[in-house]
């Protein structure tokens, strides 16, 4: 199982991430604080959800929903 941590400062985009067709565990941080240092260090990949405009970050539930949708999209479960 690959671990993918969501981090607004990451350089890798979650969209189209090549690991998402494999077994993955998504790590979502706390609202405001984000991932703890120890969790971030243990993740195989840190990825960001690209956003446009003045949005600083997403709340945890919205980030989780978008990440789960991207996993489903990459796997061909949704069109």
N, C-alpha and C. Protein backbone atom coordinates (compact mmCIF):
# COMPACT_ATOMS: atom_id res chain seq x y z
N UNK A 1 0.85 -1.17 0.00
CA UNK A 1 0.00 0.00 0.00
C UNK A 1 0.89 1.23 0.00
N UNK A 2 0.66 2.10 -0.96
CA UNK A 2 1.38 3.37 -1.04
C UNK A 2 0.63 4.41 -0.22
N UNK A 3 1.35 5.25 0.49
CA UNK A 3 0.71 6.31 1.26
C UNK A 3 0.90 7.65 0.54
N UNK A 4 -0.21 8.33 0.34
CA UNK A 4 -0.21 9.63 -0.33
C UNK A 4 -0.76 10.65 0.65
N UNK A 5 0.07 11.59 1.05
CA UNK A 5 -0.35 12.64 1.97
C UNK A 5 -0.72 13.89 1.20
N UNK A 6 -1.84 14.50 1.59
CA UNK A 6 -2.25 15.75 0.96
C UNK A 6 -1.61 16.91 1.70
N UNK A 7 -0.90 17.74 0.95
CA UNK A 7 -0.17 18.86 1.52
C UNK A 7 -0.25 20.02 0.53
N UNK A 8 -0.78 21.14 0.97
CA UNK A 8 -0.93 22.31 0.11
C UNK A 8 0.37 22.86 -0.42
N UNK A 9 1.48 22.55 0.22
CA UNK A 9 2.79 23.05 -0.21
C UNK A 9 3.58 22.05 -1.05
N UNK A 10 3.02 20.88 -1.31
CA UNK A 10 3.73 19.85 -2.07
C UNK A 10 3.95 20.30 -3.51
N UNK A 11 4.97 19.75 -4.13
CA UNK A 11 5.29 20.09 -5.52
C UNK A 11 4.59 19.19 -6.52
N UNK A 12 4.13 18.02 -6.08
CA UNK A 12 3.49 17.05 -6.96
C UNK A 12 1.98 17.23 -6.92
N UNK A 13 1.35 17.23 -8.08
CA UNK A 13 -0.10 17.36 -8.16
C UNK A 13 -0.77 16.01 -7.92
N UNK A 14 -1.87 16.02 -7.20
CA UNK A 14 -2.65 14.80 -7.02
C UNK A 14 -3.30 14.38 -8.33
N UNK A 15 -3.65 15.35 -9.15
CA UNK A 15 -4.34 15.06 -10.41
C UNK A 15 -3.41 14.32 -11.36
N UNK A 16 -3.81 13.13 -11.75
CA UNK A 16 -3.02 12.32 -12.67
C UNK A 16 -1.85 11.61 -12.02
N UNK A 17 -1.77 11.60 -10.71
CA UNK A 17 -0.68 10.93 -10.01
C UNK A 17 -0.68 9.45 -10.39
N UNK A 18 0.44 8.94 -10.85
CA UNK A 18 0.50 7.58 -11.39
C UNK A 18 0.30 6.49 -10.34
N UNK A 19 0.39 6.79 -9.07
CA UNK A 19 0.19 5.78 -8.02
C UNK A 19 -1.28 5.46 -7.76
N UNK A 20 -2.18 6.29 -8.23
CA UNK A 20 -3.58 6.17 -7.83
C UNK A 20 -4.29 4.95 -8.40
N UNK A 21 -3.68 4.26 -9.36
CA UNK A 21 -4.29 3.04 -9.86
C UNK A 21 -3.83 1.82 -9.06
N UNK A 22 -2.99 2.03 -8.07
CA UNK A 22 -2.50 0.96 -7.19
C UNK A 22 -3.20 1.06 -5.83
N UNK A 23 -2.85 0.17 -4.93
CA UNK A 23 -3.39 0.25 -3.56
C UNK A 23 -2.80 1.48 -2.89
N UNK A 24 -3.66 2.41 -2.47
CA UNK A 24 -3.19 3.63 -1.82
C UNK A 24 -3.98 3.90 -0.54
N UNK A 25 -3.32 4.55 0.37
CA UNK A 25 -3.95 5.09 1.57
C UNK A 25 -3.77 6.60 1.49
N UNK A 26 -4.86 7.32 1.57
CA UNK A 26 -4.80 8.78 1.53
C UNK A 26 -4.68 9.31 2.95
N UNK A 27 -3.73 10.17 3.20
CA UNK A 27 -3.54 10.79 4.52
C UNK A 27 -3.97 12.24 4.43
N UNK A 28 -4.94 12.59 5.24
CA UNK A 28 -5.51 13.94 5.24
C UNK A 28 -5.17 14.57 6.58
N UNK A 29 -4.61 15.76 6.57
CA UNK A 29 -4.25 16.43 7.81
C UNK A 29 -5.41 17.15 8.45
N UNK A 30 -5.18 17.67 9.62
CA UNK A 30 -6.18 18.44 10.35
C UNK A 30 -6.39 19.78 9.66
N UNK A 31 -7.59 20.30 9.79
CA UNK A 31 -7.87 21.62 9.22
C UNK A 31 -7.01 22.65 9.94
N UNK A 32 -6.36 23.47 9.17
CA UNK A 32 -5.48 24.49 9.73
C UNK A 32 -4.05 23.99 9.90
N UNK A 33 -3.87 22.92 10.68
CA UNK A 33 -2.52 22.43 10.97
C UNK A 33 -1.96 21.55 9.85
N UNK A 34 -2.81 20.88 9.09
CA UNK A 34 -2.35 20.00 8.03
C UNK A 34 -1.79 18.70 8.59
N UNK A 35 -0.96 18.03 7.80
CA UNK A 35 -0.35 16.78 8.24
C UNK A 35 0.68 17.06 9.34
N UNK A 36 0.75 16.17 10.30
CA UNK A 36 1.81 16.31 11.29
C UNK A 36 3.15 15.99 10.63
N UNK A 37 4.22 16.43 11.22
CA UNK A 37 5.54 16.20 10.66
C UNK A 37 5.82 14.71 10.52
N UNK A 38 5.48 13.93 11.54
CA UNK A 38 5.77 12.49 11.49
C UNK A 38 4.97 11.79 10.41
N UNK A 39 3.70 12.16 10.23
CA UNK A 39 2.89 11.54 9.18
C UNK A 39 3.47 11.91 7.82
N UNK A 40 3.80 13.19 7.63
CA UNK A 40 4.36 13.63 6.35
C UNK A 40 5.65 12.89 6.01
N UNK A 41 6.49 12.66 7.02
CA UNK A 41 7.76 11.95 6.79
C UNK A 41 7.54 10.49 6.41
N UNK A 42 6.45 9.91 6.86
CA UNK A 42 6.19 8.49 6.59
C UNK A 42 5.42 8.26 5.28
N UNK A 43 4.88 9.32 4.69
CA UNK A 43 4.17 9.17 3.42
C UNK A 43 5.15 8.90 2.29
N UNK A 44 4.73 8.06 1.35
CA UNK A 44 5.57 7.81 0.18
C UNK A 44 5.61 9.01 -0.75
N UNK A 45 4.47 9.71 -0.85
CA UNK A 45 4.36 10.87 -1.74
C UNK A 45 3.53 11.93 -1.04
N UNK A 46 3.95 13.18 -1.16
CA UNK A 46 3.13 14.31 -0.73
C UNK A 46 2.60 14.96 -1.99
N UNK A 47 1.29 15.18 -2.04
CA UNK A 47 0.67 15.73 -3.24
C UNK A 47 -0.26 16.88 -2.86
N UNK A 48 -0.44 17.78 -3.79
CA UNK A 48 -1.31 18.92 -3.59
C UNK A 48 -2.50 18.85 -4.53
N UNK A 49 -3.60 19.44 -4.13
CA UNK A 49 -4.76 19.59 -5.01
C UNK A 49 -4.64 20.98 -5.62
N UNK A 50 -4.41 21.06 -6.93
CA UNK A 50 -4.23 22.37 -7.56
C UNK A 50 -5.50 23.22 -7.45
N UNK A 51 -5.30 24.49 -7.14
CA UNK A 51 -6.44 25.42 -7.02
C UNK A 51 -6.11 26.72 -7.74
N UNK A 52 -7.16 27.40 -8.13
CA UNK A 52 -7.01 28.66 -8.85
C UNK A 52 -7.59 29.78 -7.99
N UNK A 53 -6.97 30.92 -8.02
CA UNK A 53 -7.51 32.07 -7.31
C UNK A 53 -6.93 32.23 -5.92
N UNK A 54 -7.68 32.90 -5.07
CA UNK A 54 -7.21 33.27 -3.75
C UNK A 54 -7.51 32.24 -2.67
N UNK A 55 -7.91 31.04 -3.06
CA UNK A 55 -8.21 30.00 -2.08
C UNK A 55 -6.91 29.53 -1.46
N UNK A 56 -6.81 29.64 -0.13
CA UNK A 56 -5.59 29.25 0.56
C UNK A 56 -5.51 27.74 0.74
N UNK A 57 -6.63 27.14 1.15
CA UNK A 57 -6.66 25.70 1.36
C UNK A 57 -8.11 25.24 1.39
N UNK A 58 -8.29 23.93 1.39
CA UNK A 58 -9.62 23.33 1.47
C UNK A 58 -9.80 22.72 2.86
N UNK A 59 -11.06 22.61 3.31
CA UNK A 59 -11.23 21.91 4.58
C UNK A 59 -11.03 20.42 4.34
N UNK A 60 -10.84 19.68 5.42
CA UNK A 60 -10.44 18.27 5.33
C UNK A 60 -11.47 17.43 4.58
N UNK A 61 -12.76 17.69 4.80
CA UNK A 61 -13.78 16.87 4.14
C UNK A 61 -13.81 17.10 2.63
N UNK A 62 -13.63 18.33 2.21
CA UNK A 62 -13.62 18.63 0.77
C UNK A 62 -12.36 18.05 0.12
N UNK A 63 -11.22 18.19 0.77
CA UNK A 63 -9.98 17.62 0.23
C UNK A 63 -10.09 16.10 0.13
N UNK A 64 -10.69 15.48 1.14
CA UNK A 64 -10.87 14.02 1.11
C UNK A 64 -11.77 13.60 -0.04
N UNK A 65 -12.87 14.31 -0.22
CA UNK A 65 -13.81 13.98 -1.30
C UNK A 65 -13.14 14.13 -2.67
N UNK A 66 -12.40 15.20 -2.87
CA UNK A 66 -11.72 15.39 -4.15
C UNK A 66 -10.67 14.32 -4.38
N UNK A 67 -9.93 13.95 -3.35
CA UNK A 67 -8.90 12.91 -3.50
C UNK A 67 -9.54 11.56 -3.81
N UNK A 68 -10.63 11.23 -3.13
CA UNK A 68 -11.31 9.95 -3.41
C UNK A 68 -11.89 9.94 -4.82
N UNK A 69 -12.42 11.07 -5.26
CA UNK A 69 -12.94 11.15 -6.63
C UNK A 69 -11.82 10.96 -7.64
N UNK A 70 -10.66 11.55 -7.40
CA UNK A 70 -9.54 11.40 -8.32
C UNK A 70 -9.07 9.95 -8.39
N UNK A 71 -9.05 9.26 -7.26
CA UNK A 71 -8.70 7.84 -7.26
C UNK A 71 -9.71 7.06 -8.11
N UNK A 72 -11.00 7.33 -7.90
CA UNK A 72 -12.04 6.64 -8.67
C UNK A 72 -11.93 6.97 -10.16
N UNK A 73 -11.63 8.22 -10.50
CA UNK A 73 -11.51 8.63 -11.90
C UNK A 73 -10.35 7.92 -12.58
N UNK A 74 -9.19 7.89 -11.91
CA UNK A 74 -8.01 7.24 -12.48
C UNK A 74 -8.25 5.76 -12.70
N UNK A 75 -9.00 5.15 -11.81
CA UNK A 75 -9.28 3.72 -11.92
C UNK A 75 -10.42 3.39 -12.89
N UNK A 76 -11.04 4.42 -13.45
CA UNK A 76 -12.10 4.22 -14.43
C UNK A 76 -13.45 3.90 -13.82
N UNK A 77 -13.61 4.17 -12.54
CA UNK A 77 -14.89 3.90 -11.87
C UNK A 77 -15.93 4.96 -12.15
N UNK A 78 -15.49 6.15 -12.52
CA UNK A 78 -16.40 7.25 -12.88
C UNK A 78 -15.90 7.86 -14.19
N UNK A 79 -16.79 8.51 -14.88
CA UNK A 79 -16.36 9.13 -16.14
C UNK A 79 -16.40 10.63 -16.05
